[in-house]
Protein backbone atom coordinates (compact mmCIF):
# COMPACT_ATOMS: atom_id res chain seq x y z
CA MET A 1 -3.95 -83.60 16.92
CA THR A 2 -3.46 -86.61 19.16
CA VAL A 3 0.13 -87.86 19.01
CA VAL A 4 1.30 -90.95 20.91
CA VAL A 5 5.05 -91.26 21.52
CA LEU A 6 6.61 -94.65 22.28
CA VAL A 7 9.10 -93.84 25.05
CA GLU A 8 11.95 -96.21 25.81
CA GLN A 9 13.20 -96.41 29.39
CA LEU A 10 15.41 -98.61 31.51
CA GLU A 11 14.82 -99.06 35.23
CA GLY A 12 12.79 -95.87 35.37
CA GLU A 13 15.23 -93.69 33.39
CA VAL A 14 14.04 -92.33 30.05
CA ASP A 15 16.36 -92.84 27.10
CA GLU A 16 17.85 -89.62 25.67
CA LEU A 17 16.79 -90.55 22.13
CA SER A 18 13.17 -90.78 23.27
CA LEU A 19 13.44 -87.23 24.63
CA GLN A 20 14.61 -86.16 21.17
CA ALA A 21 11.62 -87.94 19.64
CA LEU A 22 9.31 -86.03 21.99
CA ALA A 23 10.70 -82.73 20.67
CA LEU A 24 9.74 -83.56 17.07
CA ALA A 25 6.41 -85.00 18.23
CA ARG A 26 5.55 -81.65 19.87
CA GLU A 27 6.08 -79.95 16.54
CA LEU A 28 3.85 -82.52 14.86
CA ALA A 29 1.13 -82.07 17.50
CA GLY A 30 1.04 -78.33 16.81
CA GLY A 31 0.88 -77.33 20.45
CA ASP A 32 -1.50 -80.04 21.62
CA PRO A 33 -0.30 -82.09 24.63
CA LEU A 34 1.37 -85.41 23.94
CA THR A 35 0.51 -88.90 25.11
CA ALA A 36 3.45 -91.13 26.00
CA LEU A 37 3.40 -94.92 25.91
CA LEU A 38 5.82 -96.74 28.22
CA VAL A 39 5.98 -100.52 28.07
CA GLY A 40 7.01 -102.87 30.85
CA ASP A 41 8.63 -102.52 34.26
CA GLY A 42 9.58 -99.01 35.35
CA GLY A 43 7.20 -97.24 32.99
CA SER A 44 5.11 -95.56 35.67
CA GLU A 45 8.23 -94.31 37.46
CA ALA A 46 9.82 -93.01 34.27
CA SER A 47 6.68 -91.11 33.30
CA ALA A 48 7.35 -88.51 36.02
CA GLN A 49 10.22 -87.17 33.87
CA LEU A 50 8.01 -86.52 30.85
CA GLY A 51 5.86 -83.57 31.90
CA ALA A 52 8.77 -81.24 31.23
CA HIS A 53 8.80 -82.54 27.64
CA GLY A 54 5.18 -81.77 26.82
CA VAL A 55 3.53 -85.03 27.88
CA ALA A 56 0.12 -84.63 29.51
CA THR A 57 -0.82 -88.31 29.73
CA ALA A 58 1.38 -91.36 30.18
CA LEU A 59 0.01 -94.78 29.26
CA ALA A 60 1.82 -97.51 31.18
CA ALA A 61 1.43 -100.92 29.51
CA GLU A 62 1.77 -103.42 32.33
CA ASP A 63 1.87 -107.20 32.15
CA GLU A 64 4.35 -109.62 33.70
CA ARG A 65 4.99 -110.97 30.20
CA LEU A 66 6.40 -107.57 29.20
CA ALA A 67 9.34 -107.95 31.60
CA ALA A 68 11.44 -109.15 28.62
CA TYR A 69 11.42 -107.27 25.33
CA ALA A 70 9.23 -108.88 22.68
CA PRO A 71 8.64 -106.83 19.50
CA GLY A 72 5.23 -108.37 18.89
CA ALA A 73 4.09 -107.61 22.43
CA TRP A 74 5.32 -104.02 22.17
CA ALA A 75 3.52 -103.67 18.84
CA ARG A 76 0.32 -104.95 20.46
CA SER A 77 0.76 -102.34 23.20
CA VAL A 78 1.06 -99.64 20.52
CA THR A 79 -2.03 -100.75 18.58
CA ASP A 80 -4.02 -100.93 21.83
CA ALA A 81 -2.83 -97.39 22.68
CA ILE A 82 -3.98 -96.21 19.23
CA GLU A 83 -7.45 -97.63 19.84
CA ARG A 84 -7.52 -96.19 23.34
CA THR A 85 -6.57 -92.65 22.28
CA GLY A 86 -7.74 -92.39 18.67
CA ALA A 87 -4.19 -91.29 17.80
CA SER A 88 -3.56 -89.42 14.55
CA ALA A 89 0.16 -90.23 14.68
CA VAL A 90 2.59 -92.48 16.53
CA VAL A 91 6.22 -91.40 16.97
CA ALA A 92 9.20 -93.39 18.26
CA ALA A 93 12.93 -92.86 18.53
CA GLY A 94 14.83 -94.19 15.52
CA THR A 95 16.60 -96.82 17.60
CA GLU A 96 16.80 -100.48 16.67
CA ARG A 97 13.91 -101.12 19.04
CA GLY A 98 11.81 -98.14 17.97
CA ASN A 99 12.14 -98.94 14.27
CA GLU A 100 11.47 -102.63 14.84
CA VAL A 101 8.31 -102.04 16.87
CA LEU A 102 6.83 -99.53 14.42
CA SER A 103 7.61 -101.91 11.56
CA HIS A 104 5.47 -104.53 13.30
CA VAL A 105 2.74 -101.94 13.89
CA ALA A 106 2.79 -100.90 10.23
CA ALA A 107 2.48 -104.52 9.10
CA ARG A 108 -0.43 -105.17 11.46
CA LEU A 109 -2.33 -102.04 10.43
CA ASP A 110 -1.31 -102.17 6.74
CA LEU A 111 0.10 -98.65 6.94
CA PRO A 112 3.28 -96.98 5.64
CA PHE A 113 6.09 -96.23 8.08
CA ALA A 114 8.52 -93.31 7.67
CA ALA A 115 11.75 -94.11 9.51
CA ASN A 116 14.49 -91.73 10.66
CA CYS A 117 12.68 -88.41 10.22
CA THR A 118 14.39 -85.11 10.95
CA ALA A 119 11.67 -82.51 10.32
CA ILE A 120 7.93 -82.07 9.83
CA GLY A 121 6.67 -80.12 6.79
CA GLU A 122 3.96 -77.51 6.72
CA GLY A 123 0.65 -77.64 4.91
CA PRO A 124 -2.44 -79.81 4.68
CA GLU A 125 -2.59 -83.58 4.63
CA PRO A 126 -0.93 -85.83 3.70
CA LEU A 127 1.79 -85.35 6.31
CA THR A 128 5.13 -84.28 4.81
CA VAL A 129 8.38 -85.29 6.51
CA THR A 130 12.09 -84.97 5.85
CA ARG A 131 14.02 -88.13 6.59
CA VAL A 132 17.55 -89.50 6.42
CA ARG A 133 18.23 -92.08 3.71
CA TRP A 134 21.16 -94.17 2.49
CA GLY A 135 23.11 -94.05 5.74
CA GLY A 136 22.84 -90.27 6.03
CA SER A 137 24.12 -89.48 2.52
CA LEU A 138 20.88 -87.76 1.48
CA LEU A 139 17.69 -86.23 2.84
CA GLU A 140 14.35 -87.23 1.37
CA GLU A 141 11.08 -85.32 1.48
CA ALA A 142 8.25 -87.83 1.73
CA ARG A 143 4.47 -87.73 2.04
CA VAL A 144 3.04 -90.13 4.59
CA HIS A 145 -0.44 -91.36 3.65
CA GLY A 146 -2.82 -93.17 5.97
CA SER A 147 -3.86 -92.73 9.57
CA PRO A 148 -2.39 -92.91 12.07
CA ALA A 149 0.90 -91.68 10.63
CA LEU A 150 3.80 -93.83 11.83
CA LEU A 151 7.27 -92.29 12.03
CA SER A 152 10.54 -92.56 13.93
CA VAL A 153 13.00 -89.75 14.65
CA ALA A 154 16.60 -90.01 13.45
CA PRO A 155 19.01 -90.18 16.41
CA HIS A 156 20.95 -87.01 17.28
CA MET A 157 19.24 -84.95 14.57
CA VAL A 158 16.65 -83.21 16.77
CA ALA A 159 17.64 -81.61 20.08
CA ALA A 160 15.70 -82.60 23.17
CA ALA A 161 14.08 -79.57 24.80
CA THR A 162 11.87 -78.95 27.81
CA VAL A 163 8.62 -77.00 28.15
CA ASN A 164 8.30 -74.35 30.83
CA GLY A 165 5.68 -74.74 33.55
CA ALA A 166 4.68 -78.31 32.69
CA ASP A 167 3.23 -80.57 35.38
CA ALA A 168 3.91 -84.28 35.78
CA PRO A 169 1.68 -86.27 33.41
CA ALA A 170 -1.37 -88.21 34.51
CA VAL A 171 -0.53 -91.93 34.51
CA GLU A 172 -3.02 -94.45 33.14
CA ALA A 173 -2.04 -98.08 33.57
CA PHE A 174 -3.54 -100.62 31.18
CA ALA A 175 -3.07 -104.27 30.30
CA PRO A 176 -2.52 -104.78 26.55
CA GLY A 177 -4.44 -107.65 24.99
CA LEU A 178 -1.46 -109.92 24.45
CA ALA A 179 -1.84 -113.13 22.47
CA ASP A 180 0.55 -116.07 22.47
CA ASP A 181 1.74 -115.12 18.97
CA ASP A 182 2.89 -111.74 20.33
CA LEU A 183 5.47 -113.52 22.48
CA LEU A 184 6.93 -115.96 19.97
CA VAL A 185 10.05 -113.78 19.60
CA ARG A 186 11.42 -112.28 22.79
CA VAL A 187 14.70 -111.57 24.56
CA SER A 188 15.65 -114.57 26.68
CA GLU A 189 19.00 -113.41 28.04
CA HIS A 190 21.19 -110.32 28.31
CA VAL A 191 24.93 -110.84 27.92
CA ASP A 192 26.99 -107.87 29.06
CA ALA A 193 29.67 -106.80 26.60
CA VAL A 194 33.22 -107.17 27.85
CA THR A 195 34.40 -103.58 27.94
CA SER A 196 36.98 -101.57 29.80
CA GLY A 197 37.13 -97.86 30.34
CA ILE A 198 34.62 -95.43 28.87
CA SER A 199 31.50 -96.51 26.99
CA LEU A 200 31.70 -95.83 23.26
CA ALA A 201 28.13 -94.52 23.09
CA GLU A 202 28.62 -92.11 26.01
CA ALA A 203 32.20 -90.94 25.46
CA LYS A 204 32.86 -87.23 25.01
CA VAL A 205 35.91 -88.06 22.88
CA VAL A 206 36.31 -91.06 20.57
CA VAL A 207 39.59 -92.13 18.96
CA SER A 208 38.72 -94.42 16.08
CA GLY A 209 40.87 -96.44 13.71
CA GLY A 210 40.40 -97.92 10.25
CA ARG A 211 42.32 -100.02 7.78
CA GLY A 212 45.13 -97.45 7.82
CA VAL A 213 46.08 -98.46 11.38
CA GLY A 214 47.57 -101.56 9.78
CA SER A 215 47.00 -104.28 12.36
CA ALA A 216 45.53 -105.16 15.73
CA ASP A 217 48.84 -104.15 17.33
CA GLY A 218 48.56 -100.77 15.64
CA PHE A 219 45.64 -99.90 17.90
CA ARG A 220 47.98 -99.72 20.89
CA MET A 221 48.98 -96.19 19.94
CA LEU A 222 45.30 -95.24 19.61
CA GLU A 223 44.63 -96.72 23.05
CA GLU A 224 47.50 -94.68 24.48
CA LEU A 225 46.09 -91.48 22.97
CA ALA A 226 42.60 -92.35 24.17
CA GLU A 227 43.84 -92.86 27.71
CA LEU A 228 45.33 -89.36 27.78
CA LEU A 229 42.12 -87.84 26.40
CA HIS A 230 39.82 -89.92 28.65
CA ALA A 231 38.35 -91.21 25.40
CA ALA A 232 36.83 -94.41 24.07
CA VAL A 233 38.41 -96.38 21.23
CA GLY A 234 36.29 -97.14 18.17
CA CYS A 235 36.90 -98.61 14.75
CA SER A 236 35.46 -99.06 11.27
CA ARG A 237 33.69 -102.13 9.92
CA VAL A 238 36.71 -103.33 7.96
CA VAL A 239 38.65 -103.53 11.24
CA THR A 240 36.10 -105.81 12.88
CA SER A 241 35.91 -107.90 9.69
CA ALA A 242 39.68 -108.39 9.90
CA GLY A 243 39.34 -109.48 13.53
CA TRP A 244 41.50 -106.64 14.87
CA ARG A 245 38.78 -105.32 17.21
CA PRO A 246 35.46 -106.71 18.52
CA HIS A 247 32.16 -105.71 16.92
CA THR A 248 31.26 -103.76 20.08
CA ASP A 249 33.95 -101.22 19.06
CA GLN A 250 32.50 -100.63 15.60
CA VAL A 251 31.19 -97.17 14.77
CA GLY A 252 28.78 -97.04 11.85
CA GLN A 253 25.37 -97.77 10.46
CA THR A 254 25.61 -101.41 11.57
CA GLY A 255 27.60 -100.60 14.70
CA THR A 256 27.33 -97.94 17.39
CA LYS A 257 26.15 -94.43 16.51
CA VAL A 258 28.18 -91.92 18.53
CA SER A 259 27.79 -88.21 19.28
CA PRO A 260 30.99 -87.11 21.09
CA ASP A 261 32.33 -83.60 21.37
CA LEU A 262 35.34 -84.77 19.32
CA TYR A 263 35.72 -87.74 16.97
CA ILE A 264 39.29 -88.50 15.88
CA ALA A 265 39.30 -90.71 12.77
CA CYS A 266 42.69 -92.34 12.18
CA GLY A 267 43.23 -94.06 8.85
CA ILE A 268 39.51 -94.26 8.10
CA SER A 269 38.51 -93.69 4.47
CA GLY A 270 35.00 -92.56 5.37
CA ALA A 271 32.49 -94.92 3.76
CA THR A 272 28.89 -93.75 3.90
CA GLN A 273 28.04 -96.40 6.48
CA HIS A 274 30.79 -95.18 8.80
CA ILE A 275 29.82 -91.52 8.45
CA ALA A 276 26.28 -92.50 9.42
CA GLY A 277 27.67 -93.62 12.77
CA CYS A 278 29.84 -90.60 13.58
CA LYS A 279 27.97 -87.71 11.97
CA GLY A 280 26.49 -86.82 15.36
CA ALA A 281 29.94 -85.69 16.56
CA LYS A 282 30.25 -81.97 17.25
CA LYS A 283 33.74 -81.92 15.68
CA ILE A 284 35.57 -84.46 13.51
CA LEU A 285 39.37 -84.57 13.20
CA ALA A 286 40.59 -86.80 10.36
CA ILE A 287 44.15 -88.13 10.19
CA ASN A 288 44.80 -89.68 6.80
CA LYS A 289 47.64 -89.86 4.30
CA ASP A 290 45.13 -89.73 1.42
CA ALA A 291 44.23 -86.10 0.73
CA GLU A 292 41.26 -87.33 -1.35
CA ALA A 293 39.77 -89.62 1.31
CA PRO A 294 35.95 -89.22 1.47
CA ILE A 295 36.03 -88.59 5.23
CA LEU A 296 37.68 -85.22 4.64
CA ALA A 297 34.39 -83.92 3.25
CA SER A 298 32.83 -84.47 6.68
CA ALA A 299 35.83 -83.42 8.78
CA ASP A 300 36.13 -80.09 10.60
CA TYR A 301 39.90 -80.52 10.85
CA ALA A 302 42.31 -82.69 8.91
CA VAL A 303 45.93 -83.73 9.18
CA ILE A 304 47.32 -85.20 5.96
CA GLY A 305 50.14 -87.59 6.66
CA ASP A 306 51.21 -90.93 8.11
CA LEU A 307 49.19 -91.66 11.26
CA GLN A 308 52.05 -93.87 12.49
CA GLU A 309 54.01 -90.63 12.95
CA ILE A 310 51.18 -88.18 13.68
CA VAL A 311 49.38 -90.06 16.46
CA PRO A 312 52.56 -90.69 18.55
CA ALA A 313 53.50 -87.02 18.04
CA ILE A 314 50.12 -85.87 19.39
CA THR A 315 50.50 -88.25 22.34
CA ALA A 316 53.98 -86.92 23.07
CA GLU A 317 52.79 -83.30 23.05
CA LEU A 318 49.93 -84.15 25.40
CA ARG A 319 52.37 -85.77 27.80
CA LYS A 320 54.61 -82.70 27.70
CA GLY A 321 51.67 -80.50 28.60
CA ARG A 322 51.00 -82.57 31.70
CA THR A 323 54.53 -82.58 33.08
């Protein structure tokens, strides 16, 4: 089975979520080698990292017009790769970019698209997949009709894994047949987020606050705790809506999806959309005065009480341990 995997990379470094997508794609391919598609600058360099993940051939879509991300141009690169390889399936990471590109591909080829898959089923065609729905609140078993099958892999649900004894893939550069319409929507400028300290997406510990924190000033105690833990500070959607924290701090389905070793949720009720953003955490500690708060169903540890007293007490104990 020929499986093409859309691999995202930046400046020659492959994105971790694409490595996770390659792991599920190997299962789908049933032992056959994978073909990776890398679009734009740095693709050829990044391909050298993919042999260890089961990729035998890397297609590098090269064109100066691909220097800036354009979903239509990426979709054209995918459809050209399908024609070039006769692919039976195309897999991408379930990122904003991966889902957007495969949506364009599905529309162009008049095919269904299964987003955020977590597992591949056994048995004859049609392809059966398990996928995350409703912000992670349920798993759906779906049959994907049509060829090639188009699917993305839910972030942090499949572990990236290497293959022993794999050589670097053969690189085949090609120029996708871009039309003017493929470039109507494209990124024209990158504006760096104003951040300080540790990146929310990469932090090993995240201290996050919700409505229960009470105010923008209330986050000072969370920032103090985060500093001691070398953690990032996050928040729920209601906090950003109130203007207490910027949107870049939001954890959730419409914010940043995090996967720290420890996620400390302070005064967060635990709406489905928020859980979708933090469910990748290895451990969740919830601090909430409501013993019936929904987040407790997802928490590994819970402290029931007033966070205005509990968080400063934790901070004080940490300071004692360092003196």
